Structures are given as structure tokens and as C-alpha cells.
């Protein structure tokens, strides 16, 4: 905005002083030679500055491109490493799964076999307990039967034996013992 206002004011001043608009053919009066020299100097000096600036800019752009390519190569290398690590990790995971399945199968078989052994041991222990219980029951029954038989015999003897019979039994027993002494 500032430049356009200056240019407009400049034209107004030029038009007022010249008292009209037209072409001035006096070379010395119009400073065309000075302007030409000035423009040539600006082109000569400005060319070197512009070329230098453009060379610097070009070098910066090339450096940026080279850095970008280097970063891309590094990223590709890291990507390749990551993929290799992923493949190795997947292999390790597959091995761990196989080992886990194998271990689980072994644990199932071991548990099953241990269960069978425990059942057989319990059955054997149960049979032994039953046999032991049967023997104890038989022993108690024999004791009970013996006790009842003795009680019955004693009751019968008490009812049937009188004093004469007792003396005879005692004498027989003494006689049988006397012969052995």
C-alpha cells in the first residue's frame, strides 16, 4: 500500500512540473545515461548478489533433500530391522505356543495317569478296608457266638448239675491230673 501511494504522488508531482504529459527528447536533461549506468551497475552488482543468494538457496535445498534422503534411508533401515524383529518375535511366539501345547498335553496325561493311580489305590485301600472290616466282624461274631455258647452251656450246666455230679467231675479231673504228675 505504501509503495502504491508513493508512486501515485510521484506521478502527480511529475505531471504538475512538466505542465503536461509528453516525451522529453533531451538526453542530458532526462538523465537517461545516468539511469542506464545505474541500471547496468544494479544488474552487474545485483546479478552477483542474486546469483549468490540463488546459489545459497540451491545449496540449502540440495542439503535439505540430501538430509531427507538420509532420513528416509535410516527410516527404511529401521523399518527393515523392525520387520526382522517382528518375524523373530513371531517365530518365538510360535515356539512358545508349541511348547505350551506340549506341556498342557503332558500335564493332562500326567493328571489322568495320576488320577488312575489314585483311583486304583483308593479301590485297593477300600478292598483292604472291607476285608479288614469283614475279619473284625467275623472275629466279633465268633466272640459273641462263643460267649453266648458258653453262657448257654453254663446255664444248662447250672440247671443240670447237682452236688453229686460236681463232685464226680472234680474227682475225674483230679484223677486225670494225678496220672500226669
N, C-alpha and C. Protein backbone atom coordinates (compact mmCIF):
# COMPACT_ATOMS: atom_id res chain seq x y z
N UNK A 1 0.82 -1.19 0.00
CA UNK A 1 0.00 0.00 0.00
C UNK A 1 0.86 1.25 0.00
N UNK A 2 1.89 1.23 0.78
CA UNK A 2 2.76 2.39 0.92
C UNK A 2 3.41 2.73 -0.40
N UNK A 3 3.87 1.72 -1.14
CA UNK A 3 4.56 1.95 -2.42
C UNK A 3 3.60 2.52 -3.47
N UNK A 4 2.40 1.99 -3.50
CA UNK A 4 1.44 2.49 -4.50
C UNK A 4 1.07 3.94 -4.23
N UNK A 5 1.00 4.37 -3.01
CA UNK A 5 0.71 5.77 -2.68
C UNK A 5 1.88 6.65 -3.10
N UNK A 6 3.11 6.18 -2.88
CA UNK A 6 4.30 6.95 -3.29
C UNK A 6 4.35 7.11 -4.81
N UNK A 7 4.06 6.05 -5.49
CA UNK A 7 4.09 6.12 -6.96
C UNK A 7 3.03 7.08 -7.47
N UNK A 8 1.86 7.04 -6.87
CA UNK A 8 0.78 7.96 -7.29
C UNK A 8 1.19 9.40 -7.02
N UNK A 9 1.79 9.69 -5.89
CA UNK A 9 2.24 11.05 -5.58
C UNK A 9 3.35 11.48 -6.52
N UNK A 10 4.23 10.57 -6.83
CA UNK A 10 5.33 10.87 -7.75
C UNK A 10 4.78 11.30 -9.10
N UNK A 11 3.81 10.59 -9.61
CA UNK A 11 3.23 10.93 -10.93
C UNK A 11 2.51 12.27 -10.88
N UNK A 12 1.88 12.53 -9.76
CA UNK A 12 1.21 13.82 -9.64
C UNK A 12 2.23 14.95 -9.69
N UNK A 13 3.33 14.80 -8.98
CA UNK A 13 4.38 15.83 -8.96
C UNK A 13 4.98 15.97 -10.34
N UNK A 14 5.24 14.86 -11.02
CA UNK A 14 5.84 14.90 -12.35
C UNK A 14 4.90 15.62 -13.32
N UNK A 15 3.66 15.31 -13.25
CA UNK A 15 2.70 15.91 -14.18
C UNK A 15 2.55 17.41 -13.93
N UNK A 16 2.56 17.88 -12.69
CA UNK A 16 2.42 19.29 -12.37
C UNK A 16 3.63 20.08 -12.81
N UNK A 17 4.83 19.56 -12.65
CA UNK A 17 6.04 20.28 -13.00
C UNK A 17 6.22 20.35 -14.50
N UNK A 18 5.88 19.31 -15.18
CA UNK A 18 6.10 19.30 -16.63
C UNK A 18 5.00 20.04 -17.37
N UNK A 19 3.98 20.37 -16.68
CA UNK A 19 2.85 21.10 -17.24
C UNK A 19 2.27 20.35 -18.41
N UNK A 20 2.13 19.12 -18.17
CA UNK A 20 1.53 18.30 -19.19
C UNK A 20 2.31 17.01 -19.31
N UNK A 21 1.78 16.15 -20.09
CA UNK A 21 2.40 14.86 -20.25
C UNK A 21 2.93 14.78 -21.66
N UNK A 22 4.21 14.37 -21.77
CA UNK A 22 4.80 14.28 -23.10
C UNK A 22 6.16 13.63 -23.03
N UNK A 23 6.83 13.55 -24.13
CA UNK A 23 8.14 12.91 -24.20
C UNK A 23 9.18 14.02 -24.31
N UNK A 24 10.20 13.93 -23.46
CA UNK A 24 11.32 14.86 -23.48
C UNK A 24 12.44 14.18 -24.24
N UNK A 25 12.91 14.77 -25.30
CA UNK A 25 13.93 14.16 -26.14
C UNK A 25 15.34 14.60 -25.77
N UNK A 26 15.52 15.47 -24.85
CA UNK A 26 16.84 15.90 -24.42
C UNK A 26 17.43 14.82 -23.51
N UNK A 27 18.48 14.18 -24.01
CA UNK A 27 19.08 13.05 -23.30
C UNK A 27 19.72 13.51 -22.01
N UNK A 28 20.41 14.64 -22.03
CA UNK A 28 21.10 15.10 -20.83
C UNK A 28 20.11 15.58 -19.79
N UNK A 29 19.02 16.17 -20.24
CA UNK A 29 18.03 16.69 -19.32
C UNK A 29 17.27 15.55 -18.64
N UNK A 30 17.04 14.51 -19.33
CA UNK A 30 16.23 13.41 -18.78
C UNK A 30 17.05 12.41 -17.98
N UNK A 31 18.35 12.51 -17.97
CA UNK A 31 19.24 11.61 -17.21
C UNK A 31 19.12 10.16 -17.65
N UNK A 32 18.88 9.95 -18.92
CA UNK A 32 18.79 8.58 -19.42
C UNK A 32 20.14 7.87 -19.31
N UNK A 33 21.20 8.58 -19.56
CA UNK A 33 22.53 7.98 -19.48
C UNK A 33 22.81 7.56 -18.04
N UNK A 34 22.49 8.45 -17.11
CA UNK A 34 22.71 8.13 -15.69
C UNK A 34 21.85 6.93 -15.27
N UNK A 35 20.61 6.98 -15.72
CA UNK A 35 19.73 5.85 -15.40
C UNK A 35 20.23 4.55 -16.01
N UNK A 36 20.73 4.61 -17.25
CA UNK A 36 21.28 3.41 -17.91
C UNK A 36 22.47 2.87 -17.17
N UNK A 37 23.41 3.79 -16.76
CA UNK A 37 24.59 3.37 -15.99
C UNK A 37 24.14 2.78 -14.67
N UNK A 38 23.19 3.45 -14.01
CA UNK A 38 22.70 2.96 -12.73
C UNK A 38 22.06 1.59 -12.88
N UNK A 39 21.25 1.41 -13.91
CA UNK A 39 20.60 0.11 -14.13
C UNK A 39 21.65 -0.96 -14.45
N UNK A 40 22.67 -0.60 -15.27
CA UNK A 40 23.74 -1.55 -15.60
C UNK A 40 24.51 -1.95 -14.35
N UNK A 41 24.83 -0.95 -13.50
CA UNK A 41 25.52 -1.25 -12.25
C UNK A 41 24.67 -2.14 -11.36
N UNK A 42 23.39 -1.80 -11.26
CA UNK A 42 22.49 -2.63 -10.45
C UNK A 42 22.43 -4.06 -10.99
N UNK A 43 22.38 -4.18 -12.32
CA UNK A 43 22.33 -5.53 -12.91
C UNK A 43 23.64 -6.26 -12.65
N UNK A 44 24.77 -5.56 -12.81
CA UNK A 44 26.07 -6.20 -12.62
C UNK A 44 26.25 -6.61 -11.16
N UNK A 45 26.04 -5.68 -10.23
CA UNK A 45 26.21 -5.96 -8.80
C UNK A 45 25.07 -6.84 -8.31
N UNK A 46 23.86 -6.52 -8.71
CA UNK A 46 22.70 -7.29 -8.27
C UNK A 46 22.73 -8.70 -8.79
N UNK A 47 23.32 -8.86 -10.01
CA UNK A 47 23.40 -10.20 -10.58
C UNK A 47 24.25 -11.08 -9.69
N UNK A 48 25.39 -10.55 -9.25
CA UNK A 48 26.26 -11.33 -8.39
C UNK A 48 25.57 -11.65 -7.06
N UNK A 49 24.89 -10.67 -6.50
CA UNK A 49 24.18 -10.88 -5.23
C UNK A 49 23.05 -11.88 -5.41
N UNK A 50 22.29 -11.72 -6.50
CA UNK A 50 21.17 -12.63 -6.76
C UNK A 50 21.69 -14.03 -7.04
N UNK A 51 22.77 -14.12 -7.85
CA UNK A 51 23.36 -15.43 -8.14
C UNK A 51 23.85 -16.06 -6.84
N UNK A 52 24.50 -15.26 -5.99
CA UNK A 52 24.98 -15.77 -4.70
C UNK A 52 23.82 -16.24 -3.84
N UNK A 53 22.76 -15.41 -3.76
CA UNK A 53 21.58 -15.81 -2.98
C UNK A 53 20.93 -17.07 -3.55
N UNK A 54 20.84 -17.13 -4.88
CA UNK A 54 20.23 -18.31 -5.51
C UNK A 54 21.10 -19.55 -5.30
N UNK A 55 22.45 -19.34 -5.38
CA UNK A 55 23.35 -20.48 -5.13
C UNK A 55 23.21 -20.98 -3.70
N UNK A 56 23.15 -20.01 -2.76
CA UNK A 56 22.96 -20.40 -1.35
C UNK A 56 21.64 -21.13 -1.17
N UNK A 57 20.60 -20.58 -1.77
CA UNK A 57 19.28 -21.21 -1.66
C UNK A 57 19.29 -22.60 -2.28
N UNK A 58 19.94 -22.71 -3.46
CA UNK A 58 20.03 -24.00 -4.13
C UNK A 58 20.79 -25.00 -3.26
N UNK A 59 21.90 -24.54 -2.63
CA UNK A 59 22.69 -25.41 -1.77
C UNK A 59 21.87 -25.85 -0.56
N UNK A 60 21.08 -24.91 0.03
CA UNK A 60 20.23 -25.26 1.17
C UNK A 60 19.18 -26.29 0.76
N UNK A 61 18.59 -26.08 -0.41
CA UNK A 61 17.58 -27.03 -0.90
C UNK A 61 18.22 -28.39 -1.14
N UNK A 62 19.41 -28.40 -1.76
CA UNK A 62 20.10 -29.68 -2.00
C UNK A 62 20.47 -30.36 -0.69
N UNK A 63 20.94 -29.56 0.28
CA UNK A 63 21.27 -30.13 1.59
C UNK A 63 20.02 -30.70 2.26
N UNK A 64 18.93 -29.95 2.17
CA UNK A 64 17.67 -30.44 2.76
C UNK A 64 17.23 -31.73 2.09
N UNK A 65 17.36 -31.78 0.76
CA UNK A 65 16.99 -33.01 0.04
C UNK A 65 17.89 -34.16 0.45
N UNK A 66 19.20 -33.88 0.60
CA UNK A 66 20.13 -34.94 0.98
C UNK A 66 19.81 -35.44 2.40
N UNK A 67 19.52 -34.51 3.31
CA UNK A 67 19.14 -34.89 4.68
C UNK A 67 17.85 -35.71 4.67
N UNK A 68 16.90 -35.30 3.84
CA UNK A 68 15.64 -36.04 3.75
C UNK A 68 15.89 -37.44 3.22
N UNK A 69 16.77 -37.55 2.21
CA UNK A 69 17.09 -38.89 1.67
C UNK A 69 17.80 -39.73 2.72
N UNK A 70 18.72 -39.10 3.49
CA UNK A 70 19.41 -39.83 4.55
C UNK A 70 18.42 -40.31 5.61
N UNK A 71 17.50 -39.43 6.00
CA UNK A 71 16.49 -39.83 7.00
C UNK A 71 15.60 -40.93 6.46
N UNK A 72 15.29 -40.86 5.15
CA UNK A 72 14.47 -41.91 4.55
C UNK A 72 15.22 -43.24 4.56
N UNK A 73 16.51 -43.21 4.25
CA UNK A 73 17.29 -44.44 4.27
C UNK A 73 17.38 -44.99 5.69
N UNK A 74 17.57 -44.09 6.67
CA UNK A 74 17.60 -44.54 8.06
C UNK A 74 16.26 -45.13 8.48
N UNK A 75 15.19 -44.46 8.06
CA UNK A 75 13.85 -44.97 8.40
C UNK A 75 13.61 -46.33 7.74
N UNK A 76 14.06 -46.48 6.47
CA UNK A 76 13.92 -47.77 5.79
C UNK A 76 14.73 -48.84 6.50
N UNK A 77 15.95 -48.47 6.96
CA UNK A 77 16.78 -49.44 7.69
C UNK A 77 16.11 -49.85 8.99
N UNK A 78 15.56 -48.86 9.72
CA UNK A 78 14.87 -49.18 10.97
C UNK A 78 13.63 -50.02 10.70
N UNK A 79 12.93 -49.71 9.61
CA UNK A 79 11.75 -50.49 9.24
C UNK A 79 12.14 -51.93 8.95
N UNK A 80 13.24 -52.11 8.22
CA UNK A 80 13.70 -53.47 7.91
C UNK A 80 14.09 -54.21 9.20
N UNK A 81 14.77 -53.50 10.12
CA UNK A 81 15.12 -54.11 11.40
C UNK A 81 13.87 -54.48 12.20
N UNK A 82 12.92 -53.58 12.20
CA UNK A 82 11.67 -53.84 12.93
C UNK A 82 10.94 -55.04 12.34
N UNK A 83 10.93 -55.13 11.01
CA UNK A 83 10.28 -56.29 10.37
C UNK A 83 11.01 -57.57 10.72
N UNK A 84 12.36 -57.52 10.72
CA UNK A 84 13.13 -58.71 11.09
C UNK A 84 12.85 -59.11 12.53
N UNK A 85 12.79 -58.11 13.42
CA UNK A 85 12.48 -58.39 14.82
C UNK A 85 11.07 -58.95 14.95
N UNK A 86 10.14 -58.43 14.17
CA UNK A 86 8.76 -58.93 14.20
C UNK A 86 8.73 -60.40 13.77
N UNK A 87 9.45 -60.72 12.71
CA UNK A 87 9.49 -62.11 12.25
C UNK A 87 10.10 -63.01 13.32
N UNK A 88 11.19 -62.55 13.95
CA UNK A 88 11.81 -63.35 15.01
C UNK A 88 10.85 -63.50 16.19
N UNK A 89 10.16 -62.43 16.52
CA UNK A 89 9.21 -62.49 17.62
C UNK A 89 8.08 -63.46 17.30
N UNK A 90 7.60 -63.44 16.06
CA UNK A 90 6.54 -64.36 15.68
C UNK A 90 7.03 -65.80 15.74
N UNK A 91 8.29 -66.04 15.36
CA UNK A 91 8.85 -67.39 15.45
C UNK A 91 8.92 -67.83 16.90
N UNK A 92 9.39 -66.93 17.77
CA UNK A 92 9.49 -67.25 19.20
C UNK A 92 8.10 -67.51 19.77
N UNK A 93 7.13 -66.69 19.38
CA UNK A 93 5.75 -66.88 19.87
C UNK A 93 5.21 -68.24 19.42
N UNK A 94 5.49 -68.61 18.16
CA UNK A 94 5.03 -69.91 17.66
C UNK A 94 5.67 -71.04 18.45
N UNK A 95 6.96 -70.91 18.76
CA UNK A 95 7.64 -71.94 19.55
C UNK A 95 7.06 -72.02 20.95
N UNK A 96 6.79 -70.86 21.54
CA UNK A 96 6.22 -70.84 22.89
C UNK A 96 4.84 -71.50 22.88
N UNK A 97 4.05 -71.22 21.83
CA UNK A 97 2.72 -71.85 21.73
C UNK A 97 2.86 -73.36 21.64
N UNK A 98 3.81 -73.83 20.80
CA UNK A 98 4.01 -75.28 20.65
C UNK A 98 4.42 -75.89 21.98
N UNK A 99 5.36 -75.23 22.68
CA UNK A 99 5.80 -75.74 23.98
C UNK A 99 4.65 -75.74 24.98
N UNK A 100 3.84 -74.70 24.95
CA UNK A 100 2.71 -74.62 25.88
C UNK A 100 1.71 -75.75 25.60
N UNK A 101 1.44 -76.00 24.31
CA UNK A 101 0.52 -77.08 23.96
C UNK A 101 1.09 -78.43 24.39
N UNK A 102 2.38 -78.62 24.16
CA UNK A 102 3.04 -79.87 24.55
C UNK A 102 2.99 -80.04 26.07
N UNK A 103 3.30 -78.96 26.78
CA UNK A 103 3.27 -79.01 28.24
C UNK A 103 1.86 -79.28 28.74
N UNK A 104 0.89 -78.63 28.13
CA UNK A 104 -0.51 -78.84 28.53
C UNK A 104 -0.91 -80.30 28.30
N UNK A 105 -0.49 -80.87 27.16
CA UNK A 105 -0.81 -82.27 26.88
C UNK A 105 -0.15 -83.18 27.92
N UNK A 106 1.12 -82.89 28.24
CA UNK A 106 1.82 -83.70 29.24
C UNK A 106 1.14 -83.58 30.60
N UNK A 107 0.72 -82.38 30.95
CA UNK A 107 0.04 -82.18 32.23
C UNK A 107 -1.28 -82.94 32.25
N UNK A 108 -2.02 -82.88 31.12
CA UNK A 108 -3.29 -83.64 31.05
C UNK A 108 -3.03 -85.14 31.23
N UNK A 109 -2.04 -85.65 30.49
CA UNK A 109 -1.73 -87.08 30.59
C UNK A 109 -1.27 -87.44 31.99
N UNK A 110 -0.40 -86.60 32.56
CA UNK A 110 0.10 -86.86 33.91
C UNK A 110 -1.04 -86.84 34.92
N UNK A 111 -1.94 -85.85 34.79
CA UNK A 111 -3.08 -85.75 35.70
C UNK A 111 -3.99 -86.96 35.53
N UNK A 112 -4.21 -87.36 34.29
CA UNK A 112 -5.05 -88.53 34.03
C UNK A 112 -4.43 -89.79 34.64
N UNK A 113 -3.12 -89.97 34.38
CA UNK A 113 -2.43 -91.15 34.93
C UNK A 113 -2.41 -91.12 36.45
N UNK A 114 -2.17 -89.94 37.03
CA UNK A 114 -2.16 -89.82 38.48
C UNK A 114 -3.56 -90.12 39.03
N UNK A 115 -4.58 -89.64 38.32
CA UNK A 115 -5.95 -89.93 38.74
C UNK A 115 -6.24 -91.42 38.71
N UNK A 116 -5.77 -92.09 37.63
CA UNK A 116 -5.97 -93.54 37.56
C UNK A 116 -5.28 -94.24 38.72
N UNK A 117 -4.03 -93.81 39.00
CA UNK A 117 -3.29 -94.42 40.12
C UNK A 117 -4.00 -94.17 41.44
N UNK A 118 -4.49 -92.93 41.62
CA UNK A 118 -5.21 -92.62 42.86
C UNK A 118 -6.47 -93.46 42.99
N UNK A 119 -7.20 -93.62 41.89
CA UNK A 119 -8.42 -94.44 41.92
C UNK A 119 -8.08 -95.88 42.25
N UNK A 120 -7.04 -96.42 41.60
CA UNK A 120 -6.63 -97.81 41.88
C UNK A 120 -6.21 -97.96 43.33
N UNK A 121 -5.46 -96.96 43.85
CA UNK A 121 -5.03 -97.02 45.24
C UNK A 121 -6.24 -96.96 46.17
N UNK A 122 -7.22 -96.08 45.84
CA UNK A 122 -8.41 -95.98 46.68
C UNK A 122 -9.23 -97.27 46.64
N UNK A 123 -9.32 -97.87 45.42
CA UNK A 123 -10.06 -99.13 45.30
C UNK A 123 -9.37 -100.21 46.11
N UNK A 124 -8.04 -100.27 45.99
CA UNK A 124 -7.28 -101.27 46.75
C UNK A 124 -7.42 -101.03 48.25
N UNK A 125 -7.31 -99.77 48.63
CA UNK A 125 -7.46 -99.43 50.05
C UNK A 125 -8.86 -99.77 50.53
N UNK A 126 -9.87 -99.49 49.68
CA UNK A 126 -11.25 -99.83 50.03
C UNK A 126 -11.44 -101.32 50.19
N UNK A 127 -10.84 -102.10 49.26
CA UNK A 127 -10.94 -103.56 49.36
C UNK A 127 -10.27 -104.05 50.64
N UNK A 128 -9.09 -103.48 50.93
CA UNK A 128 -8.39 -103.88 52.16
C UNK A 128 -9.21 -103.51 53.39
N UNK A 129 -9.84 -102.34 53.34
CA UNK A 129 -10.68 -101.92 54.47
C UNK A 129 -11.87 -102.86 54.62
N UNK A 130 -12.46 -103.24 53.48
CA UNK A 130 -13.60 -104.17 53.53
C UNK A 130 -13.17 -105.51 54.09
N UNK A 131 -12.04 -106.03 53.63
CA UNK A 131 -11.54 -107.32 54.12
C UNK A 131 -11.24 -107.23 55.60
N UNK A 132 -10.61 -106.13 56.02
CA UNK A 132 -10.29 -105.93 57.44
C UNK A 132 -11.57 -105.85 58.26
N UNK A 133 -12.56 -105.10 57.72
CA UNK A 133 -13.84 -104.97 58.44
C UNK A 133 -14.53 -106.33 58.53
N UNK A 134 -14.47 -107.11 57.43
CA UNK A 134 -15.08 -108.44 57.45
C UNK A 134 -14.42 -109.32 58.51
N UNK A 135 -13.08 -109.24 58.57
CA UNK A 135 -12.37 -110.05 59.57
C UNK A 135 -12.75 -109.62 60.99
N UNK A 136 -12.84 -108.31 61.21
CA UNK A 136 -13.23 -107.83 62.54
C UNK A 136 -14.66 -108.25 62.87
N UNK A 137 -15.54 -108.16 61.88
CA UNK A 137 -16.93 -108.57 62.12
C UNK A 137 -16.99 -110.06 62.43
N UNK A 138 -16.23 -110.87 61.65
CA UNK A 138 -16.22 -112.32 61.89
C UNK A 138 -15.67 -112.62 63.28
N UNK A 139 -14.59 -111.88 63.63
CA UNK A 139 -13.98 -112.11 64.94
C UNK A 139 -14.97 -111.78 66.06
N UNK A 140 -15.67 -110.63 65.90
CA UNK A 140 -16.65 -110.24 66.91
C UNK A 140 -17.81 -111.23 66.96
N UNK A 141 -18.22 -111.67 65.74
CA UNK A 141 -19.31 -112.66 65.71
C UNK A 141 -18.89 -113.95 66.41
N UNK A 142 -17.65 -114.38 66.13
CA UNK A 142 -17.16 -115.59 66.79
C UNK A 142 -17.09 -115.39 68.31
N UNK A 143 -16.62 -114.21 68.72
CA UNK A 143 -16.56 -113.94 70.16
C UNK A 143 -17.97 -113.95 70.76
N UNK A 144 -18.90 -113.32 70.04
CA UNK A 144 -20.28 -113.26 70.53
C UNK A 144 -20.89 -114.67 70.60
N UNK A 145 -20.65 -115.41 69.48
CA UNK A 145 -21.20 -116.78 69.45
C UNK A 145 -20.58 -117.61 70.55
N UNK A 146 -19.24 -117.46 70.72
CA UNK A 146 -18.56 -118.23 71.78
C UNK A 146 -19.10 -117.85 73.15
N UNK A 147 -19.27 -116.54 73.36
CA UNK A 147 -19.76 -116.07 74.64
C UNK A 147 -21.17 -116.59 74.90
N UNK A 148 -22.02 -116.49 73.85
CA UNK A 148 -23.39 -116.97 74.01
C UNK A 148 -23.42 -118.48 74.26
N UNK A 149 -22.53 -119.20 73.51
CA UNK A 149 -22.49 -120.66 73.69
C UNK A 149 -22.04 -121.00 75.10
N UNK A 150 -21.02 -120.29 75.59
CA UNK A 150 -20.54 -120.54 76.95
C UNK A 150 -21.61 -120.20 77.98
N UNK A 151 -22.29 -119.09 77.74
CA UNK A 151 -23.34 -118.72 78.68
C UNK A 151 -24.46 -119.77 78.68
N UNK A 152 -24.78 -120.26 77.52
CA UNK A 152 -25.84 -121.27 77.42
C UNK A 152 -25.39 -122.58 78.11
N UNK A 153 -24.14 -122.92 77.82
CA UNK A 153 -23.62 -124.16 78.44
C UNK A 153 -23.60 -123.99 79.95
N UNK A 154 -23.15 -122.83 80.40
CA UNK A 154 -23.08 -122.60 81.85
C UNK A 154 -24.48 -122.64 82.46
N UNK A 155 -25.43 -122.00 81.76
CA UNK A 155 -26.79 -122.03 82.29
C UNK A 155 -27.32 -123.47 82.32
N UNK A 156 -27.05 -124.23 81.26
CA UNK A 156 -27.51 -125.62 81.23
C UNK A 156 -26.81 -126.43 82.31
N UNK A 157 -25.53 -126.16 82.44
CA UNK A 157 -24.78 -126.91 83.46
C UNK A 157 -25.29 -126.58 84.85
N UNK A 158 -25.56 -125.31 85.09
CA UNK A 158 -26.04 -124.91 86.40
C UNK A 158 -27.42 -125.52 86.67
N UNK A 159 -28.19 -125.61 85.61
CA UNK A 159 -29.52 -126.18 85.79
C UNK A 159 -29.44 -127.70 85.94
N UNK A 160 -28.53 -128.36 85.25
CA UNK A 160 -28.49 -129.82 85.24
C UNK A 160 -27.52 -130.38 86.28
N UNK A 161 -26.54 -129.65 86.68
CA UNK A 161 -25.52 -130.21 87.58
C UNK A 161 -25.99 -129.99 89.03
N UNK A 162 -25.88 -131.07 89.74
CA UNK A 162 -26.19 -131.00 91.17
C UNK A 162 -24.89 -131.26 91.94
N UNK A 163 -24.94 -131.39 93.20
CA UNK A 163 -23.75 -131.51 94.03
C UNK A 163 -23.05 -132.84 93.77
N UNK A 164 -23.74 -133.93 93.50
CA UNK A 164 -23.12 -135.23 93.24
C UNK A 164 -22.36 -135.20 91.93
N UNK A 165 -22.97 -134.58 90.95
CA UNK A 165 -22.34 -134.51 89.63
C UNK A 165 -21.07 -133.65 89.70
N UNK A 166 -21.11 -132.57 90.46
CA UNK A 166 -19.94 -131.69 90.58
C UNK A 166 -18.80 -132.44 91.25
N UNK A 167 -19.09 -133.23 92.27
CA UNK A 167 -18.05 -133.98 92.95
C UNK A 167 -17.46 -135.01 92.02
N UNK A 168 -18.28 -135.65 91.23
CA UNK A 168 -17.78 -136.66 90.29
C UNK A 168 -16.87 -136.02 89.26
N UNK A 169 -17.25 -134.82 88.71
CA UNK A 169 -16.44 -134.14 87.68
C UNK A 169 -15.12 -133.72 88.30
N UNK A 170 -15.17 -133.24 89.52
CA UNK A 170 -13.94 -132.79 90.17
C UNK A 170 -13.04 -133.99 90.42
N UNK A 171 -13.58 -135.08 90.83
CA UNK A 171 -12.78 -136.28 91.09
C UNK A 171 -12.17 -136.81 89.80
N UNK A 172 -12.91 -136.78 88.71
CA UNK A 172 -12.40 -137.23 87.41
C UNK A 172 -11.24 -136.34 86.95
N UNK A 173 -11.43 -135.07 87.16
CA UNK A 173 -10.36 -134.14 86.73
C UNK A 173 -9.13 -134.30 87.58
N UNK A 174 -9.29 -134.51 88.85
CA UNK A 174 -8.14 -134.71 89.75
C UNK A 174 -7.45 -136.02 89.37
N UNK A 175 -8.21 -137.00 89.03
CA UNK A 175 -7.63 -138.29 88.66
C UNK A 175 -6.85 -138.17 87.37
N UNK A 176 -7.39 -137.41 86.45
CA UNK A 176 -6.68 -137.27 85.17
C UNK A 176 -5.43 -136.41 85.36
N UNK A 177 -5.45 -135.48 86.27
CA UNK A 177 -4.26 -134.66 86.53
C UNK A 177 -3.24 -135.45 87.35
N UNK A 178 -3.69 -136.31 88.22
CA UNK A 178 -2.81 -137.08 89.07
C UNK A 178 -1.96 -138.05 88.30
N UNK A 179 -2.46 -138.55 87.25
CA UNK A 179 -1.72 -139.51 86.45
C UNK A 179 -0.61 -138.82 85.66
N UNK A 180 -0.78 -137.58 85.42
CA UNK A 180 0.21 -136.88 84.59
C UNK A 180 1.33 -136.28 85.43
N UNK A 181 1.10 -136.11 86.67
CA UNK A 181 2.12 -135.51 87.51
C UNK A 181 3.16 -136.52 87.76
